[in-house]
Amino acid sequence: MRRYTQSIALLVLAGVLIPVPGILGRSLSAEAQEINAEADLESLRKDAITGSPQSQFRLGTAYAEGRLIEKDDAEAVAWFRKSAEQGLPEAQNALAWMYYKGEGVEENLAEAADWFRKSADQGRAEAQYLLGEMYSTALGVPLDHAAALDWYRKAGEQGYVEAQLHLAWLYSAGKGVTQDAAESVKWYRRAAEQGNAEAQFRMGQIYSNGMGVTKDEAEGVKWFRMSADQGSPEGQAGLGWMYYKGRGVPQDAVMGYMLFILSGEGGVEGALDMLPTMAASMTPEQVAEAESRAAECQSKNQPDKSPEAESGR
């Protein structure tokens, strides 16, 4: 649904909380049990034909993903529908997806919203979140920020991270709700404590700039580090800025420069543009050391494509 370009451009210093993207891709395999053999598939088909909603959902998943059977979206829709009409919430969610994407069936956003609602009404967090997305963007339903907030909250209370991120942003921006920094922090914290690197980066911003909390740069560094340790380019940029400026951590220009290289190579817009400014206050030896460290980090994160590694696969 929504997509936003993420840019650092002194994001940490400015303390700007940018919107998070809608997450719309996922694998059905995470919910359907693995089908590992032809015998499993044949048994599954028999159970589906006799009316088992779970088997119908799993068979639909096999057709949707082309696992041990030729991919056939129309057949997937047919089996998802059989299961969904029996009330299986994961099948209702899957059928909604097919209508939303127009796979195996003509695209129909209103029909997608209807099936998402059926699944959401049974308490399925993903469907609640996606229905919130549809209300917030007027896709298949009228624009309704209050309804979007309600569905986001239901999903967020169940621990659905994407919903928690959206709630945090809505309260930060005051979009459809009264702006409330404390409520924004609450939802970012919930997502961050689940290990979400994006939310950890936001918590770093929040504490390093005192946004809805007492300013605590050391706490900001802690959250930036947690995000960076997961390979988040935004987290690397945030942590790099703190090291470069000596905020909440002993000043270390080499570490800061290195982290900005990594974040820029990771796609954070503006990070590489900062390097000449940073280098101006460093010695050539420091810059060379930072570049060497960055190259070493990047090489460690590259898959081993040596002949020895390839032959061992």
C-alpha atoms as a PDB file:
ATOM      1  CA  MET A   1       0.000   0.000   0.000  1.00  0.00           C
ATOM      2  CA  ARG A   2       2.083   2.964   1.221  1.00  0.00           C
ATOM      3  CA  ARG A   3       5.775   3.303   0.504  1.00  0.00           C
ATOM      4  CA  TYR A   4       8.077   5.996   1.849  1.00  0.00           C
ATOM      5  CA  THR A   5      11.659   6.875   0.975  1.00  0.00           C
ATOM      6  CA  GLN A   6      13.780   6.838   4.099  1.00  0.00           C
ATOM      7  CA  SER A   7      16.451   9.534   4.297  1.00  0.00           C
ATOM      8  CA  ILE A   8      18.972  10.251   7.023  1.00  0.00           C
ATOM      9  CA  ALA A   9      19.928  13.855   6.103  1.00  0.00           C
ATOM     10  CA  LEU A  10      20.741  14.669   9.725  1.00  0.00           C
ATOM     11  CA  LEU A  11      17.648  12.772  10.823  1.00  0.00           C
ATOM     12  CA  VAL A  12      19.151  12.104  14.241  1.00  0.00           C
ATOM     13  CA  LEU A  13      20.053  15.731  14.824  1.00  0.00           C
ATOM     14  CA  ALA A  14      16.740  17.044  13.519  1.00  0.00           C
ATOM     15  CA  GLY A  15      14.739  14.511  15.495  1.00  0.00           C
ATOM     16  CA  VAL A  16      12.267  13.990  12.667  1.00  0.00           C
ATOM     17  CA  LEU A  17      10.129  10.874  12.887  1.00  0.00           C
ATOM     18  CA  ILE A  18       9.416   9.762   9.329  1.00  0.00           C
ATOM     19  CA  PRO A  19       6.501   7.497   8.412  1.00  0.00           C
ATOM     20  CA  VAL A  20       6.943   3.752   8.300  1.00  0.00           C
ATOM     21  CA  PRO A  21       6.019   1.762   5.205  1.00  0.00           C
ATOM     22  CA  GLY A  22       3.004  -0.506   4.932  1.00  0.00           C
ATOM     23  CA  ILE A  23       4.114  -4.136   4.938  1.00  0.00           C
ATOM     24  CA  LEU A  24       2.158  -6.103   2.368  1.00  0.00           C
ATOM     25  CA  GLY A  25       4.322  -9.039   1.419  1.00  0.00           C
ATOM     26  CA  ARG A  26       4.382 -12.274   3.363  1.00  0.00           C
ATOM     27  CA  SER A  27       4.619 -15.997   2.800  1.00  0.00           C
ATOM     28  CA  LEU A  28       1.702 -18.309   3.309  1.00  0.00           C
ATOM     29  CA  SER A  29       4.186 -21.032   4.256  1.00  0.00           C
ATOM     30  CA  ALA A  30       4.620 -19.463   7.665  1.00  0.00           C
ATOM     31  CA  GLU A  31       1.121 -20.638   8.554  1.00  0.00           C
ATOM     32  CA  ALA A  32       0.509 -23.709   6.429  1.00  0.00           C
ATOM     33  CA  GLN A  33       2.365 -26.810   7.534  1.00  0.00           C
ATOM     34  CA  GLU A  34       5.132 -27.806   5.168  1.00  0.00           C
ATOM     35  CA  ILE A  35       4.214 -30.249   2.410  1.00  0.00           C
ATOM     36  CA  ASN A  36       7.350 -32.316   1.958  1.00  0.00           C
ATOM     37  CA  ALA A  37       6.399 -35.198  -0.326  1.00  0.00           C
ATOM     38  CA  GLU A  38       4.003 -36.235  -3.059  1.00  0.00           C
ATOM     39  CA  ALA A  39       2.347 -38.584  -0.579  1.00  0.00           C
ATOM     40  CA  ASP A  40       1.679 -35.650   1.742  1.00  0.00           C
ATOM     41  CA  LEU A  41       0.118 -33.736  -1.133  1.00  0.00           C
ATOM     42  CA  GLU A  42      -2.167 -36.608  -2.117  1.00  0.00           C
ATOM     43  CA  SER A  43      -3.317 -37.110   1.462  1.00  0.00           C
ATOM     44  CA  LEU A  44      -3.889 -33.388   1.781  1.00  0.00           C
ATOM     45  CA  ARG A  45      -5.998 -33.325  -1.370  1.00  0.00           C
ATOM     46  CA  LYS A  46      -8.198 -36.145  -0.065  1.00  0.00           C
ATOM     47  CA  ASP A  47      -8.765 -34.327   3.220  1.00  0.00           C
ATOM     48  CA  ALA A  48      -9.527 -31.085   1.369  1.00  0.00           C
ATOM     49  CA  ILE A  49     -12.069 -32.795  -0.869  1.00  0.00           C
ATOM     50  CA  THR A  50     -13.828 -34.284   2.163  1.00  0.00           C
ATOM     51  CA  GLY A  51     -14.202 -30.753   3.567  1.00  0.00           C
ATOM     52  CA  SER A  52     -11.374 -30.152   6.034  1.00  0.00           C
ATOM     53  CA  PRO A  53     -10.969 -26.316   6.112  1.00  0.00           C
ATOM     54  CA  GLN A  54      -7.356 -26.543   7.315  1.00  0.00           C
ATOM     55  CA  SER A  55      -6.478 -28.965   4.508  1.00  0.00           C
ATOM     56  CA  GLN A  56      -8.256 -26.751   1.992  1.00  0.00           C
ATOM     57  CA  PHE A  57      -6.186 -23.811   3.187  1.00  0.00           C
ATOM     58  CA  ARG A  58      -2.953 -25.802   2.988  1.00  0.00           C
ATOM     59  CA  LEU A  59      -3.802 -27.046  -0.497  1.00  0.00           C
ATOM     60  CA  GLY A  60      -4.572 -23.507  -1.576  1.00  0.00           C
ATOM     61  CA  THR A  61      -1.199 -22.483  -0.201  1.00  0.00           C
ATOM     62  CA  ALA A  62       0.528 -25.219  -2.202  1.00  0.00           C
ATOM     63  CA  TYR A  63      -1.111 -23.960  -5.405  1.00  0.00           C
ATOM     64  CA  ALA A  64      -0.347 -20.320  -4.562  1.00  0.00           C
ATOM     65  CA  GLU A  65       3.334 -21.025  -3.962  1.00  0.00           C
ATOM     66  CA  GLY A  66       3.878 -23.812  -6.507  1.00  0.00           C
ATOM     67  CA  ARG A  67       5.153 -26.224  -3.886  1.00  0.00           C
ATOM     68  CA  LEU A  68       5.239 -29.852  -5.129  1.00  0.00           C
ATOM     69  CA  ILE A  69       2.586 -28.835  -7.621  1.00  0.00           C
ATOM     70  CA  GLU A  70       2.389 -26.441 -10.563  1.00  0.00           C
ATOM     71  CA  LYS A  71       1.594 -22.935  -9.402  1.00  0.00           C
ATOM     72  CA  ASP A  72      -2.036 -22.120 -10.156  1.00  0.00           C
ATOM     73  CA  ASP A  73      -3.469 -18.967  -8.581  1.00  0.00           C
ATOM     74  CA  ALA A  74      -7.017 -19.677  -9.753  1.00  0.00           C
ATOM     75  CA  GLU A  75      -6.926 -23.098  -8.101  1.00  0.00           C
ATOM     76  CA  ALA A  76      -5.466 -21.501  -4.981  1.00  0.00           C
ATOM     77  CA  VAL A  77      -8.362 -19.045  -4.867  1.00  0.00           C
ATOM     78  CA  ALA A  78     -10.863 -21.879  -5.237  1.00  0.00           C
ATOM     79  CA  TRP A  79      -9.448 -23.775  -2.251  1.00  0.00           C
ATOM     80  CA  PHE A  80      -8.988 -20.651  -0.145  1.00  0.00           C
ATOM     81  CA  ARG A  81     -12.632 -19.781  -0.799  1.00  0.00           C
ATOM     82  CA  LYS A  82     -13.858 -23.234   0.281  1.00  0.00           C
ATOM     83  CA  SER A  83     -11.911 -22.908   3.518  1.00  0.00           C
ATOM     84  CA  ALA A  84     -12.803 -19.245   4.053  1.00  0.00           C
ATOM     85  CA  GLU A  85     -16.501 -19.932   3.646  1.00  0.00           C
ATOM     86  CA  GLN A  86     -16.179 -22.418   6.492  1.00  0.00           C
ATOM     87  CA  GLY A  87     -14.827 -19.616   8.644  1.00  0.00           C
ATOM     88  CA  LEU A  88     -11.090 -20.362   8.817  1.00  0.00           C
ATOM     89  CA  PRO A  89      -9.547 -16.933   9.543  1.00  0.00           C
ATOM     90  CA  GLU A  90      -6.196 -17.620   7.878  1.00  0.00           C
ATOM     91  CA  ALA A  91      -8.008 -18.703   4.707  1.00  0.00           C
ATOM     92  CA  GLN A  92     -10.179 -15.585   4.807  1.00  0.00           C
ATOM     93  CA  ASN A  93      -6.997 -13.539   5.102  1.00  0.00           C
ATOM     94  CA  ALA A  94      -5.383 -15.407   2.191  1.00  0.00           C
ATOM     95  CA  LEU A  95      -8.449 -14.990  -0.014  1.00  0.00           C
ATOM     96  CA  ALA A  96      -8.481 -11.272   0.799  1.00  0.00           C
ATOM     97  CA  TRP A  97      -4.873 -11.097  -0.362  1.00  0.00           C
ATOM     98  CA  MET A  98      -5.718 -12.731  -3.679  1.00  0.00           C
ATOM     99  CA  TYR A  99      -8.482 -10.185  -4.291  1.00  0.00           C
ATOM    100  CA  TYR A 100      -6.192  -7.363  -3.228  1.00  0.00           C
ATOM    101  CA  LYS A 101      -3.380  -8.402  -5.581  1.00  0.00           C
ATOM    102  CA  GLY A 102      -5.617  -9.650  -8.386  1.00  0.00           C
ATOM    103  CA  GLU A 103      -3.983 -13.080  -8.414  1.00  0.00           C
ATOM    104  CA  GLY A 104      -6.184 -15.937  -9.592  1.00  0.00           C
ATOM    105  CA  VAL A 105      -9.167 -13.623  -9.503  1.00  0.00           C
ATOM    106  CA  GLU A 106      -9.995 -10.162 -10.798  1.00  0.00           C
ATOM    107  CA  GLU A 107      -8.670  -7.457  -8.504  1.00  0.00           C
ATOM    108  CA  ASN A 108     -11.445  -6.248  -6.225  1.00  0.00           C
ATOM    109  CA  LEU A 109     -10.433  -4.060  -3.292  1.00  0.00           C
ATOM    110  CA  ALA A 110     -13.919  -3.953  -1.815  1.00  0.00           C
ATOM    111  CA  GLU A 111     -14.057  -7.759  -1.799  1.00  0.00           C
ATOM    112  CA  ALA A 112     -10.566  -7.844  -0.290  1.00  0.00           C
ATOM    113  CA  ALA A 113     -11.666  -5.519   2.492  1.00  0.00           C
ATOM    114  CA  ASP A 114     -14.727  -7.680   3.128  1.00  0.00           C
ATOM    115  CA  TRP A 115     -12.640 -10.833   3.587  1.00  0.00           C
ATOM    116  CA  PHE A 116     -10.024  -9.012   5.658  1.00  0.00           C
ATOM    117  CA  ARG A 117     -12.885  -7.870   7.894  1.00  0.00           C
ATOM    118  CA  LYS A 118     -14.204 -11.415   8.316  1.00  0.00           C
ATOM    119  CA  SER A 119     -10.739 -12.551   9.373  1.00  0.00           C
ATOM    120  CA  ALA A 120     -10.170  -9.469  11.541  1.00  0.00           C
ATOM    121  CA  ASP A 121     -13.474  -9.957  13.333  1.00  0.00           C
ATOM    122  CA  GLN A 122     -12.168 -13.345  14.447  1.00  0.00           C
ATOM    123  CA  GLY A 123      -9.157 -11.656  15.992  1.00  0.00           C
ATOM    124  CA  ARG A 124      -6.532 -12.229  13.320  1.00  0.00           C
ATOM    125  CA  ALA A 125      -3.924  -9.526  13.900  1.00  0.00           C
ATOM    126  CA  GLU A 126      -2.559  -9.344  10.346  1.00  0.00           C
ATOM    127  CA  ALA A 127      -6.043  -8.858   8.931  1.00  0.00           C
ATOM    128  CA  GLN A 128      -6.785  -6.180  11.537  1.00  0.00           C
ATOM    129  CA  TYR A 129      -3.631  -4.328  10.558  1.00  0.00           C
ATOM    130  CA  LEU A 130      -4.325  -4.578   6.826  1.00  0.00           C
ATOM    131  CA  LEU A 131      -7.906  -3.445   7.271  1.00  0.00           C
ATOM    132  CA  GLY A 132      -6.496  -0.442   9.119  1.00  0.00           C
ATOM    133  CA  GLU A 133      -4.237   0.205   6.132  1.00  0.00           C
ATOM    134  CA  MET A 134      -7.205   0.104   3.779  1.00  0.00           C
ATOM    135  CA  TYR A 135      -9.202   2.573   5.888  1.00  0.00           C
ATOM    136  CA  SER A 136      -6.231   4.915   6.187  1.00  0.00           C
ATOM    137  CA  THR A 137      -5.704   4.984   2.413  1.00  0.00           C
ATOM    138  CA  ALA A 138      -9.330   4.605   1.190  1.00  0.00           C
ATOM    139  CA  LEU A 139      -8.633   1.344  -0.609  1.00  0.00           C
ATOM    140  CA  GLY A 140     -11.854  -0.590  -1.059  1.00  0.00           C
ATOM    141  CA  VAL A 141     -13.456   1.297   1.824  1.00  0.00           C
ATOM    142  CA  PRO A 142     -14.141   4.979   2.549  1.00  0.00           C
ATOM    143  CA  LEU A 143     -11.324   6.998   4.087  1.00  0.00           C
ATOM    144  CA  ASP A 144     -11.830   6.713   7.845  1.00  0.00           C
ATOM    145  CA  HIS A 145      -8.910   7.563  10.154  1.00  0.00           C
ATOM    146  CA  ALA A 146     -10.883   6.633  13.260  1.00  0.00           C
ATOM    147  CA  ALA A 147     -11.631   3.161  11.909  1.00  0.00           C
ATOM    148  CA  ALA A 148      -8.008   2.764  10.833  1.00  0.00           C
ATOM    149  CA  LEU A 149      -6.822   3.698  14.303  1.00  0.00           C
ATOM    150  CA  ASP A 150      -9.237   1.225  15.890  1.00  0.00           C
ATOM    151  CA  TRP A 151      -8.021  -1.664  13.726  1.00  0.00           C
ATOM    152  CA  TYR A 152      -4.355  -0.719  14.173  1.00  0.00           C
ATOM    153  CA  ARG A 153      -4.883  -0.664  17.925  1.00  0.00           C
ATOM    154  CA  LYS A 154      -6.527  -4.100  17.957  1.00  0.00           C
ATOM    155  CA  ALA A 155      -3.613  -5.556  16.021  1.00  0.00           C
ATOM    156  CA  GLY A 156      -1.044  -3.649  18.077  1.00  0.00           C
ATOM    157  CA  GLU A 157      -2.488  -4.922  21.330  1.00  0.00           C
ATOM    158  CA  GLN A 158      -1.898  -8.431  20.028  1.00  0.00           C
ATOM    159  CA  GLY A 159       1.755  -7.583  19.453  1.00  0.00           C
ATOM    160  CA  TYR A 160       1.609  -7.088  15.688  1.00  0.00           C
ATOM    161  CA  VAL A 161       4.731  -5.012  15.088  1.00  0.00           C
ATOM    162  CA  GLU A 162       3.674  -3.234  11.882  1.00  0.00           C
ATOM    163  CA  ALA A 163       0.516  -2.032  13.601  1.00  0.00           C
ATOM    164  CA  GLN A 164       2.526  -0.808  16.575  1.00  0.00           C
ATOM    165  CA  LEU A 165       4.799   1.143  14.232  1.00  0.00           C
ATOM    166  CA  HIS A 166       1.832   2.762  12.514  1.00  0.00           C
ATOM    167  CA  LEU A 167       0.207   3.667  15.813  1.00  0.00           C
ATOM    168  CA  ALA A 168       3.458   5.243  16.955  1.00  0.00           C
ATOM    169  CA  TRP A 169       3.734   7.292  13.770  1.00  0.00           C
ATOM    170  CA  LEU A 170       0.082   8.390  13.851  1.00  0.00           C
ATOM    171  CA  TYR A 171       0.455   9.715  17.399  1.00  0.00           C
ATOM    172  CA  SER A 172       3.784  11.341  16.564  1.00  0.00           C
ATOM    173  CA  ALA A 173       2.410  13.104  13.476  1.00  0.00           C
ATOM    174  CA  GLY A 174      -1.058  13.773  14.882  1.00  0.00           C
ATOM    175  CA  LYS A 175      -2.583  12.150  11.818  1.00  0.00           C
ATOM    176  CA  GLY A 176      -6.198  11.276  12.527  1.00  0.00           C
ATOM    177  CA  VAL A 177      -5.577  11.592  16.265  1.00  0.00           C
ATOM    178  CA  THR A 178      -4.504  14.264  18.703  1.00  0.00           C
ATOM    179  CA  GLN A 179      -0.735  14.456  18.626  1.00  0.00           C
ATOM    180  CA  ASP A 180       0.588  12.645  21.683  1.00  0.00           C
ATOM    181  CA  ALA A 181       4.341  12.141  22.050  1.00  0.00           C
ATOM    182  CA  ALA A 182       3.996   9.893  25.100  1.00  0.00           C
ATOM    183  CA  GLU A 183       1.566   7.582  23.299  1.00  0.00           C
ATOM    184  CA  SER A 184       3.890   7.496  20.304  1.00  0.00           C
ATOM    185  CA  VAL A 185       6.798   6.487  22.524  1.00  0.00           C
ATOM    186  CA  LYS A 186       4.687   3.755  24.112  1.00  0.00           C
ATOM    187  CA  TRP A 187       4.021   2.079  20.784  1.00  0.00           C
ATOM    188  CA  TYR A 188       7.551   2.486  19.456  1.00  0.00           C
ATOM    189  CA  ARG A 189       8.821   0.933  22.680  1.00  0.00           C
ATOM    190  CA  ARG A 190       6.503  -2.053  22.348  1.00  0.00           C
ATOM    191  CA  ALA A 191       7.764  -2.744  18.839  1.00  0.00           C
ATOM    192  CA  ALA A 192      11.379  -2.123  19.831  1.00  0.00           C
ATOM    193  CA  GLU A 193      11.168  -4.511  22.745  1.00  0.00           C
ATOM    194  CA  GLN A 194      10.082  -7.195  20.305  1.00  0.00           C
ATOM    195  CA  GLY A 195      13.365  -6.682  18.490  1.00  0.00           C
ATOM    196  CA  ASN A 196      12.157  -4.566  15.581  1.00  0.00           C
ATOM    197  CA  ALA A 197      15.176  -2.661  14.260  1.00  0.00           C
ATOM    198  CA  GLU A 198      13.080   0.183  12.825  1.00  0.00           C
ATOM    199  CA  ALA A 199      11.442   0.804  16.196  1.00  0.00           C
ATOM    200  CA  GLN A 200      14.795   0.594  17.961  1.00  0.00           C
ATOM    201  CA  PHE A 201      16.103   3.289  15.636  1.00  0.00           C
ATOM    202  CA  ARG A 202      13.077   5.449  16.473  1.00  0.00           C
ATOM    203  CA  MET A 203      13.711   4.952  20.189  1.00  0.00           C
ATOM    204  CA  GLY A 204      17.268   6.124  19.602  1.00  0.00           C
ATOM    205  CA  GLN A 205      15.911   9.278  17.975  1.00  0.00           C
ATOM    206  CA  ILE A 206      13.400   9.784  20.762  1.00  0.00           C
ATOM    207  CA  TYR A 207      15.894   9.604  23.618  1.00  0.00           C
ATOM    208  CA  SER A 208      18.735  11.428  21.897  1.00  0.00           C
ATOM    209  CA  ASN A 209      16.407  14.371  21.200  1.00  0.00           C
ATOM    210  CA  GLY A 210      14.088  14.213  24.233  1.00  0.00           C
ATOM    211  CA  MET A 211      10.929  13.650  22.196  1.00  0.00           C
ATOM    212  CA  GLY A 212       8.175  12.755  24.649  1.00  0.00           C
ATOM    213  CA  VAL A 213      10.745  11.576  27.194  1.00  0.00           C
ATOM    214  CA  THR A 214      13.477  13.135  29.271  1.00  0.00           C
ATOM    215  CA  LYS A 215      16.460  13.575  26.994  1.00  0.00           C
ATOM    216  CA  ASP A 216      18.997  10.799  27.630  1.00  0.00           C
ATOM    217  CA  GLU A 217      21.691  10.502  24.984  1.00  0.00           C
ATOM    218  CA  ALA A 218      23.211   7.381  26.536  1.00  0.00           C
ATOM    219  CA  GLU A 219      19.812   5.703  26.295  1.00  0.00           C
ATOM    220  CA  GLY A 220      19.599   6.912  22.707  1.00  0.00           C
ATOM    221  CA  VAL A 221      22.949   5.295  21.968  1.00  0.00           C
ATOM    222  CA  LYS A 222      21.706   2.036  23.499  1.00  0.00           C
ATOM    223  CA  TRP A 223      18.731   1.883  21.156  1.00  0.00           C
ATOM    224  CA  PHE A 224      20.716   2.976  18.098  1.00  0.00           C
ATOM    225  CA  ARG A 225      23.239   0.238  18.868  1.00  0.00           C
ATOM    226  CA  MET A 226      20.531  -2.403  19.145  1.00  0.00           C
ATOM    227  CA  SER A 227      19.208  -1.363  15.739  1.00  0.00           C
ATOM    228  CA  ALA A 228      22.679  -1.175  14.180  1.00  0.00           C
ATOM    229  CA  ASP A 229      23.629  -4.582  15.560  1.00  0.00           C
ATOM    230  CA  GLN A 230      20.794  -6.028  13.485  1.00  0.00           C
ATOM    231  CA  GLY A 231      22.299  -4.481  10.373  1.00  0.00           C
ATOM    232  CA  SER A 232      19.836  -1.594  10.134  1.00  0.00           C
ATOM    233  CA  PRO A 233      21.382   1.135   7.950  1.00  0.00           C
ATOM    234  CA  GLU A 234      19.301   3.758   9.798  1.00  0.00           C
ATOM    235  CA  GLY A 235      20.523   2.413  13.126  1.00  0.00           C
ATOM    236  CA  GLN A 236      24.105   2.538  11.848  1.00  0.00           C
ATOM    237  CA  ALA A 237      23.649   6.173  10.803  1.00  0.00           C
ATOM    238  CA  GLY A 238      22.131   7.091  14.160  1.00  0.00           C
ATOM    239  CA  LEU A 239      24.895   5.377  16.105  1.00  0.00           C
ATOM    240  CA  GLY A 240      27.519   6.810  13.777  1.00  0.00           C
ATOM    241  CA  TRP A 241      26.300  10.343  14.388  1.00  0.00           C
ATOM    242  CA  MET A 242      26.430   9.860  18.148  1.00  0.00           C
ATOM    243  CA  TYR A 243      29.993   8.552  17.962  1.00  0.00           C
ATOM    244  CA  TYR A 244      31.080  11.308  15.617  1.00  0.00           C
ATOM    245  CA  LYS A 245      29.646  14.040  17.853  1.00  0.00           C
ATOM    246  CA  GLY A 246      30.464  12.331  21.159  1.00  0.00           C
ATOM    247  CA  ARG A 247      26.840  12.369  22.286  1.00  0.00           C
ATOM    248  CA  GLY A 248      26.020   9.770  24.925  1.00  0.00           C
ATOM    249  CA  VAL A 249      29.242   7.946  24.171  1.00  0.00           C
ATOM    250  CA  PRO A 250      32.955   8.914  24.104  1.00  0.00           C
ATOM    251  CA  GLN A 251      33.703  10.779  20.893  1.00  0.00           C
ATOM    252  CA  ASP A 252      35.131   8.479  18.215  1.00  0.00           C
ATOM    253  CA  ALA A 253      35.265  10.006  14.745  1.00  0.00           C
ATOM    254  CA  VAL A 254      36.689   6.849  13.199  1.00  0.00           C
ATOM    255  CA  MET A 255      33.779   4.756  14.443  1.00  0.00           C
ATOM    256  CA  GLY A 256      31.315   7.424  13.344  1.00  0.00           C
ATOM    257  CA  TYR A 257      32.784   7.658   9.855  1.00  0.00           C
ATOM    258  CA  MET A 258      32.853   3.875   9.494  1.00  0.00           C
ATOM    259  CA  LEU A 259      29.202   3.569  10.495  1.00  0.00           C
ATOM    260  CA  PHE A 260      28.179   6.284   8.048  1.00  0.00           C
ATOM    261  CA  ILE A 261      29.923   4.370   5.248  1.00  0.00           C
ATOM    262  CA  LEU A 262      27.988   1.241   6.193  1.00  0.00           C
ATOM    263  CA  SER A 263      24.691   3.098   6.428  1.00  0.00           C
ATOM    264  CA  GLY A 264      25.238   4.818   3.096  1.00  0.00           C
ATOM    265  CA  GLU A 265      26.153   1.563   1.394  1.00  0.00           C
ATOM    266  CA  GLY A 266      23.021   0.147   2.995  1.00  0.00           C
ATOM    267  CA  GLY A 267      20.898   2.696   1.179  1.00  0.00           C
ATOM    268  CA  VAL A 268      20.382   5.553   3.644  1.00  0.00           C
ATOM    269  CA  GLU A 269      20.036   8.640   1.497  1.00  0.00           C
ATOM    270  CA  GLY A 270      22.435  11.410   2.462  1.00  0.00           C
ATOM    271  CA  ALA A 271      24.760   9.302   4.612  1.00  0.00           C
ATOM    272  CA  LEU A 272      27.566   9.160   2.039  1.00  0.00           C
ATOM    273  CA  ASP A 273      27.107  12.881   1.359  1.00  0.00           C
ATOM    274  CA  MET A 274      28.060  13.515   5.001  1.00  0.00           C
ATOM    275  CA  LEU A 275      31.468  11.872   4.637  1.00  0.00           C
ATOM    276  CA  PRO A 276      33.379  14.881   3.206  1.00  0.00           C
ATOM    277  CA  THR A 277      32.096  17.087   6.046  1.00  0.00           C
ATOM    278  CA  MET A 278      33.090  14.483   8.617  1.00  0.00           C
ATOM    279  CA  ALA A 279      36.482  13.926   6.991  1.00  0.00           C
ATOM    280  CA  ALA A 280      37.259  17.636   7.210  1.00  0.00           C
ATOM    281  CA  SER A 281      37.694  17.316  10.972  1.00  0.00           C
ATOM    282  CA  MET A 282      39.685  14.066  10.782  1.00  0.00           C
ATOM    283  CA  THR A 283      43.237  13.191   9.841  1.00  0.00           C
ATOM    284  CA  PRO A 284      43.896  11.246   6.630  1.00  0.00           C
ATOM    285  CA  GLU A 285      45.027   8.348   8.820  1.00  0.00           C
ATOM    286  CA  GLN A 286      41.709   8.321  10.676  1.00  0.00           C
ATOM    287  CA  VAL A 287      39.731   8.353   7.442  1.00  0.00           C
ATOM    288  CA  ALA A 288      41.839   5.496   6.065  1.00  0.00           C
ATOM    289  CA  GLU A 289      41.310   3.482   9.251  1.00  0.00           C
ATOM    290  CA  ALA A 290      37.556   4.044   9.108  1.00  0.00           C
ATOM    291  CA  GLU A 291      37.423   2.993   5.460  1.00  0.00           C
ATOM    292  CA  SER A 292      39.467  -0.119   6.252  1.00  0.00           C
ATOM    293  CA  ARG A 293      37.149  -1.055   9.118  1.00  0.00           C
ATOM    294  CA  ALA A 294      34.082  -0.537   6.942  1.00  0.00           C
ATOM    295  CA  ALA A 295      35.534  -2.708   4.168  1.00  0.00           C
ATOM    296  CA  GLU A 296      36.302  -5.430   6.716  1.00  0.00           C
ATOM    297  CA  CYS A 297      32.750  -5.322   8.077  1.00  0.00           C
ATOM    298  CA  GLN A 298      31.309  -5.470   4.576  1.00  0.00           C
ATOM    299  CA  SER A 299      33.485  -8.429   3.603  1.00  0.00           C
ATOM    300  CA  LYS A 300      32.370 -10.356   6.683  1.00  0.00           C
ATOM    301  CA  ASN A 301      28.742  -9.822   5.717  1.00  0.00           C
ATOM    302  CA  GLN A 302      29.211 -11.033   2.137  1.00  0.00           C
ATOM    303  CA  PRO A 303      28.286 -14.647   1.361  1.00  0.00           C
ATOM    304  CA  ASP A 304      31.278 -16.889   0.792  1.00  0.00           C
ATOM    305  CA  LYS A 305      31.413 -17.524  -2.955  1.00  0.00           C
ATOM    306  CA  SER A 306      34.796 -19.217  -2.992  1.00  0.00           C
ATOM    307  CA  PRO A 307      35.099 -22.494  -4.949  1.00  0.00           C
ATOM    308  CA  GLU A 308      35.582 -24.329  -1.652  1.00  0.00           C
ATOM    309  CA  ALA A 309      32.365 -22.894  -0.245  1.00  0.00           C
ATOM    310  CA  GLU A 310      30.438 -23.601  -3.424  1.00  0.00           C
ATOM    311  CA  SER A 311      31.616 -27.233  -3.563  1.00  0.00           C
ATOM    312  CA  GLY A 312      30.570 -27.743   0.051  1.00  0.00           C
ATOM    313  CA  ARG A 313      26.963 -26.866  -0.649  1.00  0.00           C
END
